[in-house]
């Protein structure tokens, strides 16, 4: 049986220097507002502050990219920063876990899968999200 499918995409790019300042200033209020406990543990597991900043920046870009693919953005339509989490699969590749408002929104859209790709180079971090929806 052939299904009717729709593809949604979202992309975001972030200047890592913003996150270097956040890490170096110890801005835990911003970090706690934007990232889950699991994301914080992963980012903070590096001893190198530049690597921490890259990890945070890529995850922030991922949240923005997923929000764009959902069509809601972040912090609107019930989608919060903690509702979109970057986790790792068994091979260490990044993947997305949705909860709360983001999961509800995705279900209303008929989302059947979501994929994420993260990168960082030249002082920038980027994320690209592909979401498959069943019509």
Protein backbone atom coordinates (compact mmCIF):
# COMPACT_ATOMS: atom_id res chain seq x y z
CA UNK A 1 0.00 0.00 0.00
CA UNK A 2 1.30 3.44 -0.95
CA UNK A 3 0.82 6.07 1.71
CA UNK A 4 0.41 9.77 1.22
CA UNK A 5 3.39 11.40 2.95
CA UNK A 6 4.57 14.93 3.52
CA UNK A 7 8.12 16.03 4.32
CA UNK A 8 8.90 19.02 6.50
CA UNK A 9 12.37 20.44 6.98
CA UNK A 10 13.94 22.93 9.35
CA UNK A 11 17.44 24.36 9.52
CA UNK A 12 19.27 26.66 11.91
CA UNK A 13 22.77 28.04 12.32
CA UNK A 14 24.26 29.48 15.51
CA UNK A 15 27.41 31.48 16.25
CA UNK A 16 29.42 29.37 18.71
CA UNK A 17 31.00 32.49 20.25
CA UNK A 18 27.63 33.24 21.92
CA UNK A 19 27.88 29.89 23.70
CA UNK A 20 31.56 30.33 24.57
CA UNK A 21 30.53 33.44 26.51
CA UNK A 22 27.63 31.57 28.17
CA UNK A 23 29.94 28.69 29.22
CA UNK A 24 32.77 30.97 30.39
CA UNK A 25 30.38 33.21 32.34
CA UNK A 26 28.79 30.18 34.01
CA UNK A 27 25.32 31.30 32.85
CA UNK A 28 23.49 28.35 34.37
CA UNK A 29 20.13 30.16 34.26
CA UNK A 30 20.23 30.25 30.45
CA UNK A 31 21.56 26.69 30.21
CA UNK A 32 18.88 25.31 32.57
CA UNK A 33 16.15 27.21 30.70
CA UNK A 34 17.19 25.88 27.28
CA UNK A 35 18.58 22.38 27.84
CA UNK A 36 17.44 19.17 29.49
CA UNK A 37 19.40 17.48 32.28
CA UNK A 38 20.64 14.86 29.80
CA UNK A 39 21.83 17.50 27.34
CA UNK A 40 23.60 19.42 30.09
CA UNK A 41 25.32 16.27 31.35
CA UNK A 42 26.55 15.47 27.84
CA UNK A 43 27.75 19.01 27.08
CA UNK A 44 29.44 19.39 30.46
CA UNK A 45 31.20 16.01 30.15
CA UNK A 46 33.95 17.69 28.11
CA UNK A 47 36.72 19.37 30.07
CA UNK A 48 37.33 21.77 27.15
CA UNK A 49 35.15 24.90 27.35
CA UNK A 50 35.28 25.34 23.55
CA UNK A 51 33.95 21.80 23.05
CA UNK A 52 31.20 22.43 25.61
CA UNK A 53 30.19 25.57 23.71
CA UNK A 54 30.12 23.65 20.39
CA UNK A 55 27.89 20.99 21.93
CA UNK A 56 25.48 23.53 23.41
CA UNK A 57 25.38 25.56 20.18
CA UNK A 58 24.63 22.50 18.03
CA UNK A 59 21.85 21.40 20.38
CA UNK A 60 20.36 24.89 20.43
CA UNK A 61 20.39 24.90 16.61
CA UNK A 62 18.72 21.47 16.66
CA UNK A 63 15.88 22.73 18.85
CA UNK A 64 15.34 25.67 16.48
CA UNK A 65 15.45 23.40 13.41
CA UNK A 66 12.90 20.99 14.91
CA UNK A 67 10.65 23.92 15.88
CA UNK A 68 10.77 25.12 12.28
CA UNK A 69 9.94 21.65 10.94
CA UNK A 70 7.00 21.48 13.35
CA UNK A 71 5.82 24.82 12.02
CA UNK A 72 5.45 26.16 15.54
CA UNK A 73 8.90 27.49 16.32
CA UNK A 74 10.02 27.44 19.94
CA UNK A 75 8.20 28.88 22.91
CA UNK A 76 4.92 29.09 21.00
CA UNK A 77 1.93 26.83 20.44
CA UNK A 78 2.86 24.98 23.62
CA UNK A 79 6.32 23.91 22.39
CA UNK A 80 9.01 24.55 24.99
CA UNK A 81 12.78 24.22 24.92
CA UNK A 82 12.74 21.09 27.13
CA UNK A 83 10.16 19.43 24.86
CA UNK A 84 12.84 18.89 22.20
CA UNK A 85 15.86 16.92 23.36
CA UNK A 86 18.94 15.82 21.45
CA UNK A 87 19.95 12.33 22.54
CA UNK A 88 22.33 9.78 21.06
CA UNK A 89 21.46 6.45 19.51
CA UNK A 90 23.35 3.22 20.24
CA UNK A 91 26.06 4.19 17.72
CA UNK A 92 26.45 7.72 19.10
CA UNK A 93 24.57 9.51 16.32
CA UNK A 94 22.29 12.35 17.39
CA UNK A 95 18.56 11.83 17.37
CA UNK A 96 15.54 13.75 18.60
CA UNK A 97 13.26 12.89 21.50
CA UNK A 98 10.02 14.85 21.68
CA UNK A 99 7.85 15.29 24.79
CA UNK A 100 5.18 17.61 26.12
CA UNK A 101 3.87 20.23 23.72
CA UNK A 102 6.30 19.30 20.94
CA UNK A 103 5.14 15.68 20.99
CA UNK A 104 1.47 16.73 21.05
CA UNK A 105 2.04 19.09 18.13
CA UNK A 106 3.91 16.39 16.17
CA UNK A 107 1.09 13.90 16.75
CA UNK A 108 -1.50 16.41 15.51
CA UNK A 109 0.56 16.82 12.33
CA UNK A 110 0.78 13.03 11.86
CA UNK A 111 4.55 12.80 12.34
CA UNK A 112 5.86 9.31 11.72
CA UNK A 113 9.59 10.06 12.05
CA UNK A 114 12.08 12.83 12.71
CA UNK A 115 15.79 12.96 11.88
CA UNK A 116 18.47 15.47 12.80
CA UNK A 117 21.96 16.21 11.53
CA UNK A 118 24.36 18.40 13.54
CA UNK A 119 27.61 20.04 12.47
CA UNK A 120 30.05 22.67 13.67
CA UNK A 121 32.99 24.30 11.91
CA UNK A 122 34.50 27.75 11.48
CA UNK A 123 32.89 29.14 14.60
CA UNK A 124 29.38 28.13 13.58
CA UNK A 125 27.10 25.25 14.58
CA UNK A 126 24.20 24.11 12.42
CA UNK A 127 21.39 21.60 12.51
CA UNK A 128 19.11 20.23 9.82
CA UNK A 129 15.85 18.46 10.66
CA UNK A 130 13.74 16.26 8.39
CA UNK A 131 10.28 15.27 9.57
CA UNK A 132 8.08 12.74 7.81
CA UNK A 133 4.31 13.16 8.18
CA UNK A 134 1.58 10.72 7.21
CA UNK A 135 -1.31 12.52 5.54
